[in-house]
Protein backbone atom coordinates (compact mmCIF):
# COMPACT_ATOMS: atom_id res chain seq x y z
CA MET A 1 0.00 0.00 0.00
CA SER A 2 1.43 3.35 -1.06
CA ARG A 3 0.75 6.81 0.32
CA VAL A 4 0.84 9.86 -1.91
CA SER A 5 -0.24 13.47 -1.56
CA VAL A 6 -3.28 14.63 -3.49
CA SER A 7 -1.15 17.16 -5.35
CA GLU A 8 1.39 14.49 -6.42
CA ALA A 9 -1.43 12.16 -7.46
CA SER A 10 -3.02 14.92 -9.55
CA ARG A 11 0.29 15.67 -11.30
CA ASN A 12 0.85 11.98 -12.19
CA LEU A 13 -2.68 10.64 -12.18
CA SER A 14 -2.23 8.06 -14.94
CA HIS A 15 0.79 6.59 -13.12
CA TRP A 16 -1.16 6.11 -9.88
CA ILE A 17 -4.24 4.79 -11.69
CA ASN A 18 -2.09 2.21 -13.48
CA ARG A 19 -0.48 1.13 -10.21
CA ALA A 20 -3.92 0.65 -8.68
CA ALA A 21 -5.43 -1.03 -11.74
CA TYR A 22 -2.61 -3.24 -12.98
CA GLY A 23 -0.46 -3.60 -9.89
CA GLN A 24 -3.54 -4.24 -7.75
CA GLU A 25 -2.11 -1.77 -5.27
CA SER A 26 -4.14 0.41 -2.93
CA ILE A 27 -3.03 4.04 -2.99
CA ILE A 28 -3.87 6.21 0.03
CA LEU A 29 -4.30 9.83 -1.03
CA GLU A 30 -3.24 12.26 1.68
CA SER A 31 -3.71 15.96 2.25
CA HIS A 32 -1.45 17.68 4.77
CA GLY A 33 -0.30 14.23 5.89
CA ARG A 34 -3.83 13.04 6.63
CA PRO A 35 -5.51 10.24 4.67
CA LYS A 36 -8.37 11.58 2.53
CA ALA A 37 -9.26 8.83 0.05
CA VAL A 38 -8.12 5.52 -1.40
CA LEU A 39 -7.46 4.76 -5.05
CA ILE A 40 -8.09 1.12 -5.91
CA GLY A 41 -8.52 -0.83 -9.12
CA VAL A 42 -11.91 -1.87 -10.44
CA GLU A 43 -11.31 -5.55 -9.67
CA VAL A 44 -10.56 -4.78 -6.03
CA PHE A 45 -13.57 -2.47 -5.82
CA GLU A 46 -15.87 -5.12 -7.30
CA GLU A 47 -14.59 -7.70 -4.83
CA LEU A 48 -15.08 -5.34 -1.89
CA THR A 49 -18.61 -4.41 -2.95
CA ARG A 50 -19.77 -7.75 -4.34
CA HIS A 51 -22.15 -8.58 -1.48
CA HIS A 52 -22.90 -5.11 -0.19
CA PRO A 53 -26.58 -4.23 -0.76
CA ASP A 54 -25.83 -0.63 -1.78
CA PHE A 55 -23.80 -1.91 -4.74
CA GLN A 56 -26.16 -4.59 -6.02
CA GLN A 57 -27.71 -2.12 -8.46
CA GLU A 58 -25.97 -2.34 -11.85
CA HIS A 59 -26.47 1.21 -13.08
CA MET A 60 -27.58 4.44 -11.57
CA SER A 61 -29.29 7.12 -13.59
CA VAL A 62 -27.87 10.62 -13.67
CA ALA A 63 -30.92 11.84 -11.77
CA GLU A 64 -30.38 9.21 -9.04
CA PHE A 65 -26.69 10.10 -8.83
CA ARG A 66 -27.47 13.80 -8.51
CA ALA A 67 -30.10 13.14 -5.83
CA GLY A 68 -27.70 10.91 -3.87
CA PHE A 69 -24.87 13.39 -4.23
CA ARG A 70 -27.13 16.22 -3.07
CA ARG A 71 -28.21 14.14 -0.04
CA ALA A 72 -24.57 13.40 0.83
CA LEU A 73 -23.67 17.10 0.60
CA GLU A 74 -26.63 18.06 2.77
CA GLU A 75 -25.76 15.39 5.35
CA ALA A 76 -22.23 16.81 5.46
CA GLY A 77 -23.63 20.29 6.16
CA TYR A 78 -23.48 21.75 2.62
CA ARG A 79 -27.09 22.75 2.09
CA THR A 80 -26.93 25.82 -0.15
CA SER A 81 -25.11 26.76 -3.35
CA ASP A 82 -23.00 29.17 -1.31
CA ASP A 83 -22.00 26.31 1.03
CA ILE A 84 -20.92 24.22 -1.95
CA VAL A 85 -18.97 27.09 -3.50
CA ARG A 86 -17.17 27.57 -0.15
CA LEU A 87 -16.37 23.84 -0.08
CA ILE A 88 -14.85 24.01 -3.57
CA GLN A 89 -12.85 27.12 -2.62
CA GLU A 90 -11.53 25.32 0.49
CA ILE A 91 -10.47 22.33 -1.61
CA LYS A 92 -8.75 24.58 -4.16
CA SER A 93 -6.97 26.47 -1.39
CA GLU A 94 -5.86 23.22 0.24
CA MET A 95 -4.54 21.91 -3.08
CA ALA A 96 -2.70 25.20 -3.75
CA THR A 97 -1.11 25.01 -0.30
CA GLU A 98 -0.01 21.44 -1.01
CA ASN A 99 1.41 22.44 -4.39
CA THR A 100 3.54 25.18 -2.85
CA ALA A 101 4.72 22.86 -0.05
CA SER A 102 5.85 20.18 -2.52
């Protein structure tokens, strides 16, 4: 399992995707030294989600995805367009800080 900063992963995305997909490696994406997400290959993802009821559905419509995404944002406290814009600005600022630190 490798650990890489979000900024490094964004600069060399195809490299990290290939390591996850073909090397069957899990890549932990970090921001300011804290784990934020995991990049895994499709085969690993399918194995992990094979028996989970939330993943039994083959395809999700765009409308269902949007509704689910909206619910997730609201549950996380981002209820208005202004909240979402602030979230995006925070992410951009965090990425810019990482880029200058690298």
